Amino acid sequence: MKYYLCFILLGILITSAYAEIDPSAVGEIRSLTQYILELNNYKYTLTSVTFKNRKQHRNVMLYYYDRPDKIRIEWLEPRKLRGQLAVYNQGVMKAAPSWLPFVIEVNPDSSLGMADFNYPIYNSTLGHLMSKVVDELDLAHTVRVIEKTDSSIVYEVINDQNRAKIKVNTAINIPVYIEQYDLKGQLVDGGYFDDVKANISYSDGFFDL
């Protein structure tokens, strides 16, 4: 019993030694997320890296968002998916798969609808991804800045289940990447954002298939 209590105390001491909640970092992450959620629209090139059944899946896509919850995704890579399209508009998802010559309606919660993502299309916007980080702030034992330069800042958020890293371009207040790791340090999900543009205009029917 004595040794068991010692191990518990040791675990608490180790956790406490690495625990660090930086109130400024917490506030900055919340503020960043609110800024993104208030954007009317944006577009970017998204590189998504996910792992399913221990296999890495890498997709490069053109990602378009318009309020409220209109999404269009155009695949650039891998080569076998190049030209594939998916749109989500008013709760309906439609897709033009690379292996079909016509458009189909897809259940966004199905394996086909989620494709290589770890979440459905309606939860895939930059605002949704940052909101997920914010939702886990109250569970975190570590929230801190781990790197800072004149043009960027990297935050780390750790709880008992996973670790997130968010790199932000401070000139435009937009993430460069959002990475989720397990506690063994294995990347589980990574979103990398390039050529971000906000407050743009879309043509009529752009989010229809």
N, C-alpha and C. Protein backbone atom coordinates (compact mmCIF):
# COMPACT_ATOMS: atom_id res chain seq x y z
N MET A 1 0.84 -1.19 0.00
CA MET A 1 0.00 0.00 0.00
C MET A 1 0.88 1.26 0.00
N LYS A 2 1.96 1.20 0.79
CA LYS A 2 2.87 2.34 0.89
C LYS A 2 3.50 2.63 -0.47
N TYR A 3 3.95 1.56 -1.19
CA TYR A 3 4.58 1.75 -2.49
C TYR A 3 3.58 2.28 -3.51
N TYR A 4 2.33 1.79 -3.42
CA TYR A 4 1.27 2.24 -4.34
C TYR A 4 1.04 3.74 -4.20
N LEU A 5 0.98 4.22 -2.93
CA LEU A 5 0.79 5.64 -2.69
C LEU A 5 1.97 6.46 -3.20
N CYS A 6 3.17 5.88 -3.07
CA CYS A 6 4.37 6.58 -3.55
C CYS A 6 4.32 6.77 -5.06
N PHE A 7 3.85 5.72 -5.77
CA PHE A 7 3.76 5.82 -7.22
C PHE A 7 2.72 6.86 -7.63
N ILE A 8 1.61 6.92 -6.92
CA ILE A 8 0.58 7.93 -7.20
C ILE A 8 1.15 9.33 -7.00
N LEU A 9 1.84 9.53 -5.86
CA LEU A 9 2.43 10.83 -5.58
C LEU A 9 3.47 11.21 -6.61
N LEU A 10 4.26 10.21 -7.04
CA LEU A 10 5.28 10.46 -8.05
C LEU A 10 4.63 10.89 -9.36
N GLY A 11 3.53 10.22 -9.72
CA GLY A 11 2.82 10.57 -10.95
C GLY A 11 2.28 11.98 -10.89
N ILE A 12 1.74 12.35 -9.72
CA ILE A 12 1.21 13.71 -9.55
C ILE A 12 2.32 14.74 -9.66
N LEU A 13 3.48 14.43 -9.07
CA LEU A 13 4.61 15.36 -9.12
C LEU A 13 5.13 15.53 -10.53
N ILE A 14 5.19 14.42 -11.28
CA ILE A 14 5.68 14.49 -12.67
C ILE A 14 4.72 15.30 -13.52
N THR A 15 3.41 15.03 -13.36
CA THR A 15 2.40 15.78 -14.12
C THR A 15 2.47 17.26 -13.79
N SER A 16 2.60 17.56 -12.49
CA SER A 16 2.66 18.95 -12.07
C SER A 16 3.89 19.66 -12.62
N ALA A 17 4.99 18.91 -12.72
CA ALA A 17 6.24 19.50 -13.21
C ALA A 17 6.10 19.95 -14.65
N TYR A 18 5.29 19.21 -15.43
CA TYR A 18 5.13 19.54 -16.85
C TYR A 18 3.88 20.38 -17.12
N ALA A 19 3.04 20.55 -16.11
CA ALA A 19 1.82 21.33 -16.30
C ALA A 19 2.14 22.82 -16.34
N GLU A 20 1.50 23.51 -17.26
CA GLU A 20 1.73 24.94 -17.37
C GLU A 20 0.57 25.57 -18.12
N ILE A 21 -0.23 26.33 -17.43
CA ILE A 21 -1.33 27.05 -18.06
C ILE A 21 -0.94 28.53 -18.15
N ASP A 22 -0.72 28.98 -19.36
CA ASP A 22 -0.37 30.38 -19.61
C ASP A 22 -1.67 31.12 -19.96
N PRO A 23 -2.19 31.94 -19.07
CA PRO A 23 -3.45 32.65 -19.32
C PRO A 23 -3.42 33.48 -20.61
N SER A 24 -2.27 34.05 -20.92
CA SER A 24 -2.16 34.84 -22.15
C SER A 24 -2.35 33.97 -23.38
N ALA A 25 -1.74 32.77 -23.36
CA ALA A 25 -1.88 31.84 -24.48
C ALA A 25 -3.32 31.39 -24.63
N VAL A 26 -3.98 31.10 -23.50
CA VAL A 26 -5.39 30.70 -23.54
C VAL A 26 -6.23 31.80 -24.17
N GLY A 27 -6.01 33.03 -23.73
CA GLY A 27 -6.77 34.15 -24.26
C GLY A 27 -6.52 34.37 -25.74
N GLU A 28 -5.27 34.21 -26.17
CA GLU A 28 -4.92 34.41 -27.57
C GLU A 28 -5.56 33.34 -28.46
N ILE A 29 -5.59 32.10 -28.00
CA ILE A 29 -6.22 31.02 -28.78
C ILE A 29 -7.73 31.26 -28.90
N ARG A 30 -8.36 31.68 -27.81
CA ARG A 30 -9.79 31.98 -27.85
C ARG A 30 -10.08 33.16 -28.78
N SER A 31 -9.26 34.18 -28.72
CA SER A 31 -9.44 35.36 -29.55
C SER A 31 -9.25 35.03 -31.03
N LEU A 32 -8.23 34.23 -31.33
CA LEU A 32 -7.97 33.79 -32.70
C LEU A 32 -9.17 33.03 -33.25
N THR A 33 -9.70 32.12 -32.45
CA THR A 33 -10.83 31.32 -32.88
C THR A 33 -12.06 32.18 -33.15
N GLN A 34 -12.31 33.13 -32.27
CA GLN A 34 -13.45 34.02 -32.46
C GLN A 34 -13.30 34.85 -33.73
N TYR A 35 -12.08 35.30 -34.01
CA TYR A 35 -11.82 36.06 -35.23
C TYR A 35 -12.15 35.23 -36.47
N ILE A 36 -11.72 33.98 -36.48
CA ILE A 36 -11.97 33.09 -37.62
C ILE A 36 -13.46 32.81 -37.78
N LEU A 37 -14.15 32.58 -36.65
CA LEU A 37 -15.58 32.28 -36.70
C LEU A 37 -16.39 33.46 -37.23
N GLU A 38 -15.87 34.66 -37.10
CA GLU A 38 -16.59 35.84 -37.55
C GLU A 38 -16.31 36.19 -39.02
N LEU A 39 -15.38 35.48 -39.66
CA LEU A 39 -15.12 35.72 -41.07
C LEU A 39 -16.31 35.22 -41.90
N ASN A 40 -16.71 35.99 -42.88
CA ASN A 40 -17.85 35.60 -43.72
C ASN A 40 -17.48 34.48 -44.69
N ASN A 41 -16.25 34.49 -45.15
CA ASN A 41 -15.83 33.45 -46.09
C ASN A 41 -14.31 33.44 -46.19
N TYR A 42 -13.80 32.37 -46.75
CA TYR A 42 -12.36 32.27 -46.99
C TYR A 42 -12.09 31.07 -47.90
N LYS A 43 -10.86 31.04 -48.39
CA LYS A 43 -10.42 29.90 -49.19
C LYS A 43 -8.94 29.67 -48.91
N TYR A 44 -8.49 28.45 -49.12
CA TYR A 44 -7.08 28.14 -48.93
C TYR A 44 -6.76 26.80 -49.58
N THR A 45 -5.49 26.53 -49.71
CA THR A 45 -5.04 25.20 -50.12
C THR A 45 -4.78 24.40 -48.86
N LEU A 46 -5.48 23.28 -48.74
CA LEU A 46 -5.40 22.45 -47.53
C LEU A 46 -4.64 21.17 -47.83
N THR A 47 -3.63 20.90 -47.02
CA THR A 47 -2.98 19.59 -47.03
C THR A 47 -3.41 18.89 -45.76
N SER A 48 -4.11 17.78 -45.93
CA SER A 48 -4.63 17.02 -44.80
C SER A 48 -3.85 15.72 -44.67
N VAL A 49 -3.35 15.46 -43.47
CA VAL A 49 -2.64 14.21 -43.18
C VAL A 49 -3.37 13.51 -42.04
N THR A 50 -3.89 12.32 -42.31
CA THR A 50 -4.60 11.54 -41.30
C THR A 50 -4.08 10.12 -41.29
N PHE A 51 -4.38 9.43 -40.21
CA PHE A 51 -3.98 8.03 -40.08
C PHE A 51 -5.21 7.19 -39.78
N LYS A 52 -5.41 6.15 -40.59
CA LYS A 52 -6.49 5.20 -40.38
C LYS A 52 -5.93 3.80 -40.58
N ASN A 53 -6.19 2.94 -39.59
CA ASN A 53 -5.66 1.58 -39.62
C ASN A 53 -4.14 1.58 -39.81
N ARG A 54 -3.49 2.54 -39.12
CA ARG A 54 -2.03 2.67 -39.13
C ARG A 54 -1.46 3.07 -40.48
N LYS A 55 -2.30 3.52 -41.38
CA LYS A 55 -1.84 3.93 -42.70
C LYS A 55 -2.04 5.43 -42.86
N GLN A 56 -1.01 6.09 -43.37
CA GLN A 56 -1.09 7.53 -43.55
C GLN A 56 -1.84 7.87 -44.85
N HIS A 57 -2.75 8.84 -44.76
CA HIS A 57 -3.47 9.34 -45.92
C HIS A 57 -3.17 10.82 -46.07
N ARG A 58 -2.71 11.22 -47.24
CA ARG A 58 -2.36 12.61 -47.51
C ARG A 58 -3.17 13.12 -48.68
N ASN A 59 -3.93 14.17 -48.46
CA ASN A 59 -4.74 14.78 -49.50
C ASN A 59 -4.42 16.26 -49.59
N VAL A 60 -4.31 16.76 -50.82
CA VAL A 60 -4.13 18.20 -51.05
C VAL A 60 -5.36 18.69 -51.79
N MET A 61 -5.99 19.74 -51.25
CA MET A 61 -7.27 20.19 -51.77
C MET A 61 -7.37 21.71 -51.79
N LEU A 62 -8.19 22.21 -52.68
CA LEU A 62 -8.61 23.60 -52.63
C LEU A 62 -9.88 23.63 -51.79
N TYR A 63 -9.87 24.44 -50.74
CA TYR A 63 -10.98 24.45 -49.78
C TYR A 63 -11.62 25.83 -49.79
N TYR A 64 -12.96 25.86 -49.96
CA TYR A 64 -13.70 27.11 -50.02
C TYR A 64 -14.82 27.09 -48.97
N TYR A 65 -14.99 28.19 -48.27
CA TYR A 65 -16.06 28.30 -47.27
C TYR A 65 -16.79 29.62 -47.44
N ASP A 66 -18.12 29.56 -47.29
CA ASP A 66 -18.93 30.77 -47.30
C ASP A 66 -20.02 30.60 -46.24
N ARG A 67 -20.27 31.66 -45.51
CA ARG A 67 -21.31 31.63 -44.48
C ARG A 67 -22.69 31.55 -45.13
N PRO A 68 -23.67 30.79 -44.61
CA PRO A 68 -23.51 29.92 -43.43
C PRO A 68 -23.28 28.46 -43.86
N ASP A 69 -22.17 27.91 -43.51
CA ASP A 69 -21.85 26.49 -43.70
C ASP A 69 -22.00 26.01 -45.14
N LYS A 70 -21.44 26.79 -46.06
CA LYS A 70 -21.32 26.32 -47.44
C LYS A 70 -19.86 25.96 -47.67
N ILE A 71 -19.62 24.77 -48.17
CA ILE A 71 -18.25 24.26 -48.31
C ILE A 71 -18.09 23.63 -49.69
N ARG A 72 -16.97 23.89 -50.31
CA ARG A 72 -16.63 23.24 -51.58
C ARG A 72 -15.18 22.78 -51.47
N ILE A 73 -14.93 21.54 -51.85
CA ILE A 73 -13.58 20.97 -51.80
C ILE A 73 -13.24 20.40 -53.17
N GLU A 74 -12.07 20.77 -53.69
CA GLU A 74 -11.57 20.27 -54.97
C GLU A 74 -10.23 19.57 -54.73
N TRP A 75 -10.14 18.30 -55.09
CA TRP A 75 -8.93 17.52 -54.84
C TRP A 75 -7.84 17.79 -55.89
N LEU A 76 -6.62 18.01 -55.41
CA LEU A 76 -5.45 18.14 -56.27
C LEU A 76 -4.56 16.91 -56.19
N GLU A 77 -4.46 16.34 -55.02
CA GLU A 77 -3.67 15.12 -54.78
C GLU A 77 -4.40 14.26 -53.75
N PRO A 78 -4.22 12.93 -53.80
CA PRO A 78 -3.34 12.16 -54.67
C PRO A 78 -3.85 12.14 -56.12
N ARG A 79 -3.00 11.70 -56.99
CA ARG A 79 -3.31 11.76 -58.42
C ARG A 79 -4.60 11.03 -58.76
N LYS A 80 -4.86 9.92 -58.09
CA LYS A 80 -6.06 9.13 -58.41
C LYS A 80 -7.35 9.87 -58.05
N LEU A 81 -7.26 10.90 -57.19
CA LEU A 81 -8.44 11.67 -56.79
C LEU A 81 -8.48 13.06 -57.43
N ARG A 82 -7.49 13.38 -58.25
CA ARG A 82 -7.41 14.71 -58.84
C ARG A 82 -8.68 15.03 -59.63
N GLY A 83 -9.27 16.18 -59.36
CA GLY A 83 -10.50 16.57 -60.05
C GLY A 83 -11.77 16.20 -59.30
N GLN A 84 -11.64 15.43 -58.24
CA GLN A 84 -12.82 15.06 -57.44
C GLN A 84 -13.38 16.30 -56.74
N LEU A 85 -14.71 16.37 -56.63
CA LEU A 85 -15.37 17.51 -56.00
C LEU A 85 -16.32 17.04 -54.92
N ALA A 86 -16.48 17.88 -53.90
CA ALA A 86 -17.50 17.66 -52.88
C ALA A 86 -18.01 19.01 -52.44
N VAL A 87 -19.33 19.12 -52.26
CA VAL A 87 -19.91 20.36 -51.77
C VAL A 87 -20.89 20.03 -50.65
N TYR A 88 -20.99 20.98 -49.73
CA TYR A 88 -21.96 20.88 -48.64
C TYR A 88 -22.70 22.19 -48.60
N ASN A 89 -24.03 22.12 -48.73
CA ASN A 89 -24.84 23.33 -48.82
C ASN A 89 -26.21 23.06 -48.22
N GLN A 90 -26.59 23.85 -47.21
CA GLN A 90 -27.90 23.74 -46.57
C GLN A 90 -28.18 22.31 -46.09
N GLY A 91 -27.15 21.70 -45.48
CA GLY A 91 -27.31 20.38 -44.88
C GLY A 91 -27.21 19.22 -45.84
N VAL A 92 -26.99 19.49 -47.11
CA VAL A 92 -26.92 18.43 -48.12
C VAL A 92 -25.50 18.36 -48.69
N MET A 93 -24.97 17.13 -48.75
CA MET A 93 -23.65 16.92 -49.34
C MET A 93 -23.79 16.20 -50.67
N LYS A 94 -23.11 16.74 -51.68
CA LYS A 94 -23.06 16.10 -52.98
C LYS A 94 -21.60 15.97 -53.41
N ALA A 95 -21.34 14.97 -54.20
CA ALA A 95 -19.96 14.71 -54.62
C ALA A 95 -19.92 14.27 -56.07
N ALA A 96 -18.81 14.62 -56.71
CA ALA A 96 -18.49 14.11 -58.04
C ALA A 96 -17.20 13.33 -57.89
N PRO A 97 -17.30 12.04 -57.50
CA PRO A 97 -16.09 11.24 -57.26
C PRO A 97 -15.26 11.07 -58.53
N SER A 98 -13.98 10.88 -58.35
CA SER A 98 -13.09 10.73 -59.49
C SER A 98 -13.38 9.45 -60.28
N TRP A 99 -14.06 8.49 -59.64
CA TRP A 99 -14.31 7.20 -60.27
C TRP A 99 -15.74 7.07 -60.80
N LEU A 100 -16.50 8.18 -60.78
CA LEU A 100 -17.85 8.16 -61.32
C LEU A 100 -18.04 9.33 -62.30
N PRO A 101 -18.80 9.12 -63.39
CA PRO A 101 -19.00 10.20 -64.36
C PRO A 101 -20.22 11.06 -64.05
N PHE A 102 -20.76 10.96 -62.83
CA PHE A 102 -21.94 11.75 -62.49
C PHE A 102 -21.89 12.12 -61.00
N VAL A 103 -22.78 13.05 -60.62
CA VAL A 103 -22.84 13.56 -59.25
C VAL A 103 -23.77 12.69 -58.42
N ILE A 104 -23.39 12.45 -57.17
CA ILE A 104 -24.23 11.67 -56.27
C ILE A 104 -24.43 12.44 -54.96
N GLU A 105 -25.56 12.18 -54.29
CA GLU A 105 -25.77 12.72 -52.96
C GLU A 105 -25.21 11.74 -51.95
N VAL A 106 -24.51 12.27 -50.94
CA VAL A 106 -23.77 11.43 -50.00
C VAL A 106 -24.17 11.77 -48.57
N ASN A 107 -24.31 10.75 -47.74
CA ASN A 107 -24.50 10.97 -46.31
C ASN A 107 -23.18 11.49 -45.74
N PRO A 108 -23.13 12.72 -45.23
CA PRO A 108 -21.85 13.26 -44.76
C PRO A 108 -21.26 12.52 -43.57
N ASP A 109 -22.07 11.73 -42.86
CA ASP A 109 -21.57 10.97 -41.72
C ASP A 109 -21.14 9.57 -42.09
N SER A 110 -21.30 9.19 -43.36
CA SER A 110 -20.90 7.85 -43.81
C SER A 110 -19.40 7.81 -44.06
N SER A 111 -18.87 6.60 -44.21
CA SER A 111 -17.44 6.46 -44.50
C SER A 111 -17.10 7.07 -45.85
N LEU A 112 -18.03 6.98 -46.81
CA LEU A 112 -17.80 7.60 -48.12
C LEU A 112 -17.78 9.12 -47.99
N GLY A 113 -18.71 9.65 -47.19
CA GLY A 113 -18.78 11.09 -47.00
C GLY A 113 -17.58 11.66 -46.27
N MET A 114 -17.03 10.90 -45.34
CA MET A 114 -15.88 11.38 -44.57
C MET A 114 -14.57 11.14 -45.29
N ALA A 115 -14.56 10.18 -46.23
CA ALA A 115 -13.35 9.86 -46.99
C ALA A 115 -12.17 9.62 -46.03
N ASP A 116 -11.07 10.34 -46.23
CA ASP A 116 -9.90 10.15 -45.37
C ASP A 116 -9.91 11.04 -44.14
N PHE A 117 -10.91 11.92 -44.02
CA PHE A 117 -10.98 12.80 -42.87
C PHE A 117 -11.37 12.01 -41.61
N ASN A 118 -11.06 12.58 -40.46
CA ASN A 118 -11.49 12.01 -39.18
C ASN A 118 -12.77 12.67 -38.67
N TYR A 119 -13.42 13.47 -39.53
CA TYR A 119 -14.61 14.21 -39.13
C TYR A 119 -15.42 14.50 -40.39
N PRO A 120 -16.74 14.72 -40.25
CA PRO A 120 -17.57 14.99 -41.42
C PRO A 120 -17.29 16.37 -42.01
N ILE A 121 -17.69 16.57 -43.24
CA ILE A 121 -17.40 17.80 -43.97
C ILE A 121 -17.96 19.03 -43.27
N TYR A 122 -19.11 18.88 -42.60
CA TYR A 122 -19.70 20.05 -41.94
C TYR A 122 -18.93 20.47 -40.69
N ASN A 123 -17.97 19.67 -40.26
CA ASN A 123 -17.10 20.04 -39.14
C ASN A 123 -15.65 20.25 -39.58
N SER A 124 -15.46 20.54 -40.86
CA SER A 124 -14.10 20.59 -41.41
C SER A 124 -13.56 22.00 -41.64
N THR A 125 -14.37 23.04 -41.40
CA THR A 125 -13.89 24.39 -41.66
C THR A 125 -12.80 24.77 -40.66
N LEU A 126 -12.06 25.79 -41.00
CA LEU A 126 -11.01 26.28 -40.12
C LEU A 126 -11.60 26.70 -38.77
N GLY A 127 -12.80 27.29 -38.82
CA GLY A 127 -13.47 27.67 -37.58
C GLY A 127 -13.82 26.48 -36.72
N HIS A 128 -14.29 25.39 -37.34
CA HIS A 128 -14.62 24.18 -36.59
C HIS A 128 -13.36 23.56 -35.97
N LEU A 129 -12.27 23.53 -36.73
CA LEU A 129 -11.05 22.91 -36.22
C LEU A 129 -10.51 23.69 -35.02
N MET A 130 -10.54 25.02 -35.10
CA MET A 130 -10.08 25.82 -33.97
C MET A 130 -11.05 25.73 -32.80
N SER A 131 -12.35 25.61 -33.07
CA SER A 131 -13.32 25.46 -32.00
C SER A 131 -13.08 24.18 -31.22
N LYS A 132 -12.65 23.12 -31.91
CA LYS A 132 -12.33 21.86 -31.24
C LYS A 132 -11.18 22.05 -30.25
N VAL A 133 -10.19 22.84 -30.65
CA VAL A 133 -9.07 23.14 -29.75
C VAL A 133 -9.58 23.91 -28.53
N VAL A 134 -10.43 24.91 -28.77
CA VAL A 134 -10.97 25.72 -27.67
C VAL A 134 -11.81 24.87 -26.73
N ASP A 135 -12.61 23.96 -27.28
CA ASP A 135 -13.47 23.10 -26.45
C ASP A 135 -12.66 22.25 -25.47
N GLU A 136 -11.40 21.98 -25.83
CA GLU A 136 -10.57 21.13 -24.99
C GLU A 136 -9.66 21.92 -24.05
N LEU A 137 -9.74 23.25 -24.11
CA LEU A 137 -8.89 24.06 -23.24
C LEU A 137 -9.17 23.81 -21.76
N ASP A 138 -10.43 23.64 -21.42
CA ASP A 138 -10.79 23.43 -20.01
C ASP A 138 -10.28 22.09 -19.48
N LEU A 139 -9.97 21.16 -20.39
CA LEU A 139 -9.47 19.84 -19.99
C LEU A 139 -7.95 19.80 -19.94
N ALA A 140 -7.32 20.86 -20.43
CA ALA A 140 -5.87 20.85 -20.59
C ALA A 140 -5.14 21.09 -19.27
N HIS A 141 -3.99 20.45 -19.12
CA HIS A 141 -3.10 20.76 -17.99
C HIS A 141 -1.90 21.59 -18.46
N THR A 142 -1.78 21.73 -19.81
CA THR A 142 -0.70 22.55 -20.36
C THR A 142 -1.23 23.36 -21.54
N VAL A 143 -1.09 24.65 -21.46
CA VAL A 143 -1.39 25.56 -22.58
C VAL A 143 -0.27 26.59 -22.57
N ARG A 144 0.54 26.61 -23.61
CA ARG A 144 1.70 27.50 -23.58
C ARG A 144 2.20 27.82 -24.99
N VAL A 145 3.05 28.80 -25.08
CA VAL A 145 3.76 29.15 -26.31
C VAL A 145 5.08 28.40 -26.31
N ILE A 146 5.35 27.64 -27.38
CA ILE A 146 6.61 26.89 -27.44
C ILE A 146 7.58 27.45 -28.48
N GLU A 147 7.09 28.39 -29.30
CA GLU A 147 7.98 29.01 -30.29
C GLU A 147 7.38 30.34 -30.71
N LYS A 148 8.23 31.35 -30.88
CA LYS A 148 7.73 32.66 -31.29
C LYS A 148 8.79 33.37 -32.12
N THR A 149 8.36 33.89 -33.28
CA THR A 149 9.23 34.68 -34.13
C THR A 149 8.53 36.00 -34.46
N ASP A 150 9.15 36.80 -35.31
CA ASP A 150 8.54 38.06 -35.70
C ASP A 150 7.26 37.85 -36.52
N SER A 151 7.12 36.67 -37.16
CA SER A 151 5.98 36.45 -38.06
C SER A 151 5.05 35.31 -37.65
N SER A 152 5.42 34.56 -36.61
CA SER A 152 4.58 33.42 -36.25
C SER A 152 4.70 33.08 -34.77
N ILE A 153 3.75 32.29 -34.32
CA ILE A 153 3.75 31.82 -32.93
C ILE A 153 3.18 30.40 -32.92
N VAL A 154 3.76 29.53 -32.08
CA VAL A 154 3.31 28.15 -31.99
C VAL A 154 2.81 27.88 -30.57
N TYR A 155 1.56 27.43 -30.48
CA TYR A 155 0.96 27.10 -29.19
C TYR A 155 0.93 25.58 -29.02
N GLU A 156 1.00 25.15 -27.78
CA GLU A 156 0.88 23.73 -27.44
C GLU A 156 -0.21 23.58 -26.39
N VAL A 157 -1.14 22.64 -26.63
CA VAL A 157 -2.24 22.35 -25.70
C VAL A 157 -2.23 20.85 -25.42
N ILE A 158 -2.08 20.49 -24.15
CA ILE A 158 -1.98 19.08 -23.78
C ILE A 158 -3.03 18.75 -22.72
N ASN A 159 -3.75 17.64 -22.93
CA ASN A 159 -4.63 17.11 -21.89
C ASN A 159 -4.28 15.64 -21.67
N ASP A 160 -5.12 14.93 -20.95
CA ASP A 160 -4.82 13.53 -20.63
C ASP A 160 -5.00 12.59 -21.80
N GLN A 161 -5.54 13.08 -22.92
CA GLN A 161 -5.82 12.23 -24.07
C GLN A 161 -4.94 12.53 -25.28
N ASN A 162 -4.59 13.79 -25.49
CA ASN A 162 -3.84 14.13 -26.69
C ASN A 162 -3.10 15.45 -26.53
N ARG A 163 -2.36 15.79 -27.58
CA ARG A 163 -1.59 17.03 -27.59
C ARG A 163 -1.82 17.73 -28.92
N ALA A 164 -2.07 19.02 -28.88
CA ALA A 164 -2.28 19.80 -30.09
C ALA A 164 -1.19 20.85 -30.23
N LYS A 165 -0.77 21.10 -31.48
CA LYS A 165 0.14 22.20 -31.79
C LYS A 165 -0.52 23.07 -32.85
N ILE A 166 -0.53 24.36 -32.62
CA ILE A 166 -1.14 25.30 -33.55
C ILE A 166 -0.11 26.37 -33.87
N LYS A 167 0.27 26.45 -35.14
CA LYS A 167 1.18 27.51 -35.57
C LYS A 167 0.36 28.58 -36.28
N VAL A 168 0.55 29.84 -35.88
CA VAL A 168 -0.26 30.95 -36.39
C VAL A 168 0.63 31.96 -37.10
N ASN A 169 0.20 32.37 -38.28
CA ASN A 169 0.83 33.48 -38.98
C ASN A 169 0.29 34.76 -38.35
N THR A 170 1.11 35.46 -37.59
CA THR A 170 0.63 36.61 -36.83
C THR A 170 0.36 37.83 -37.70
N ALA A 171 0.85 37.82 -38.94
CA ALA A 171 0.59 38.95 -39.84
C ALA A 171 -0.86 38.96 -40.31
N ILE A 172 -1.46 37.75 -40.47
CA ILE A 172 -2.84 37.67 -40.95
C ILE A 172 -3.76 37.01 -39.93
N ASN A 173 -3.20 36.60 -38.78
CA ASN A 173 -4.00 36.00 -37.69
C ASN A 173 -4.74 34.75 -38.14
N ILE A 174 -4.03 33.90 -38.91
CA ILE A 174 -4.60 32.66 -39.44
C ILE A 174 -3.61 31.52 -39.16
N PRO A 175 -4.11 30.34 -38.77
CA PRO A 175 -3.20 29.21 -38.54
C PRO A 175 -2.43 28.80 -39.80
N VAL A 176 -1.19 28.42 -39.60
CA VAL A 176 -0.38 27.81 -40.65
C VAL A 176 -0.62 26.31 -40.63
N TYR A 177 -0.74 25.76 -39.41
CA TYR A 177 -1.13 24.35 -39.28
C TYR A 177 -1.78 24.11 -37.93
N ILE A 178 -2.56 23.02 -37.88
CA ILE A 178 -3.12 22.50 -36.64
C ILE A 178 -2.81 21.02 -36.63
N GLU A 179 -2.08 20.57 -35.62
CA GLU A 179 -1.68 19.16 -35.52
C GLU A 179 -2.21 18.55 -34.22
N GLN A 180 -2.68 17.31 -34.32
CA GLN A 180 -3.11 16.57 -33.14
C GLN A 180 -2.22 15.33 -33.02
N TYR A 181 -1.68 15.11 -31.82
CA TYR A 181 -0.83 13.97 -31.54
C TYR A 181 -1.43 13.14 -30.42
N ASP A 182 -1.12 11.84 -30.40
CA ASP A 182 -1.45 11.06 -29.21
C ASP A 182 -0.35 11.30 -28.18
N LEU A 183 -0.53 10.74 -27.00
CA LEU A 183 0.42 11.02 -25.92
C LEU A 183 1.76 10.30 -26.12
N LYS A 184 1.84 9.43 -27.12
CA LYS A 184 3.11 8.79 -27.46
C LYS A 184 3.90 9.62 -28.48
N GLY A 185 3.29 10.72 -28.91
CA GLY A 185 3.97 11.60 -29.86
C GLY A 185 3.69 11.28 -31.31
N GLN A 186 2.74 10.36 -31.57
CA GLN A 186 2.40 10.00 -32.94
C GLN A 186 1.37 10.97 -33.50
N LEU A 187 1.66 11.52 -34.67
CA LEU A 187 0.71 12.42 -35.33
C LEU A 187 -0.55 11.64 -35.67
N VAL A 188 -1.71 12.18 -35.29
CA VAL A 188 -3.00 11.55 -35.56
C VAL A 188 -3.71 12.28 -36.69
N ASP A 189 -3.59 13.60 -36.70
CA ASP A 189 -4.33 14.41 -37.67
C ASP A 189 -3.59 15.73 -37.85
N GLY A 190 -3.36 16.11 -39.10
CA GLY A 190 -2.69 17.39 -39.36
C GLY A 190 -3.36 18.14 -40.49
N GLY A 191 -3.64 19.41 -40.27
CA GLY A 191 -4.17 20.27 -41.32
C GLY A 191 -3.20 21.42 -41.56
N TYR A 192 -2.78 21.61 -42.82
CA TYR A 192 -1.77 22.60 -43.17
C TYR A 192 -2.38 23.55 -44.21
N PHE A 193 -2.33 24.86 -43.93
CA PHE A 193 -3.09 25.85 -44.68
C PHE A 193 -2.17 26.81 -45.42
N ASP A 194 -2.33 26.88 -46.73
CA ASP A 194 -1.52 27.75 -47.58
C ASP A 194 -2.43 28.65 -48.42
N ASP A 195 -1.86 29.78 -48.86
CA ASP A 195 -2.56 30.70 -49.77
C ASP A 195 -3.95 31.08 -49.24
N VAL A 196 -4.00 31.43 -47.97
CA VAL A 196 -5.28 31.77 -47.34
C VAL A 196 -5.74 33.16 -47.79
N LYS A 197 -6.99 33.25 -48.22
CA LYS A 197 -7.59 34.53 -48.59
C LYS A 197 -8.97 34.60 -47.95
N ALA A 198 -9.30 35.75 -47.36
CA ALA A 198 -10.59 35.94 -46.70
C ALA A 198 -11.35 37.08 -47.35
N ASN A 199 -12.65 37.15 -47.05
CA ASN A 199 -13.52 38.21 -47.55
C ASN A 199 -13.48 38.29 -49.08
N ILE A 200 -13.86 37.19 -49.71
CA ILE A 200 -13.85 37.09 -51.17
C ILE A 200 -15.29 36.92 -51.67
N SER A 201 -15.47 37.01 -52.98
CA SER A 201 -16.80 36.86 -53.58
C SER A 201 -16.83 35.58 -54.40
N TYR A 202 -17.95 34.85 -54.29
CA TYR A 202 -18.14 33.63 -55.06
C TYR A 202 -19.25 33.86 -56.09
N SER A 203 -19.11 33.21 -57.21
CA SER A 203 -20.15 33.31 -58.25
C SER A 203 -21.39 32.52 -57.84
N ASP A 204 -22.53 32.88 -58.41
CA ASP A 204 -23.77 32.16 -58.14
C ASP A 204 -23.61 30.69 -58.52
N GLY A 205 -24.08 29.81 -57.66
CA GLY A 205 -24.01 28.38 -57.97
C GLY A 205 -22.68 27.73 -57.67
N PHE A 206 -21.72 28.49 -57.12
CA PHE A 206 -20.39 27.92 -56.86
C PHE A 206 -20.46 26.76 -55.88
N PHE A 207 -21.41 26.79 -54.95
CA PHE A 207 -21.52 25.74 -53.96
C PHE A 207 -22.64 24.74 -54.30
N ASP A 208 -22.95 24.65 -55.58
CA ASP A 208 -23.92 23.66 -56.06
C ASP A 208 -23.23 22.67 -56.97
N LEU A 209 -23.75 21.45 -56.98
CA LEU A 209 -23.28 20.44 -57.92
C LEU A 209 -24.50 19.84 -58.63
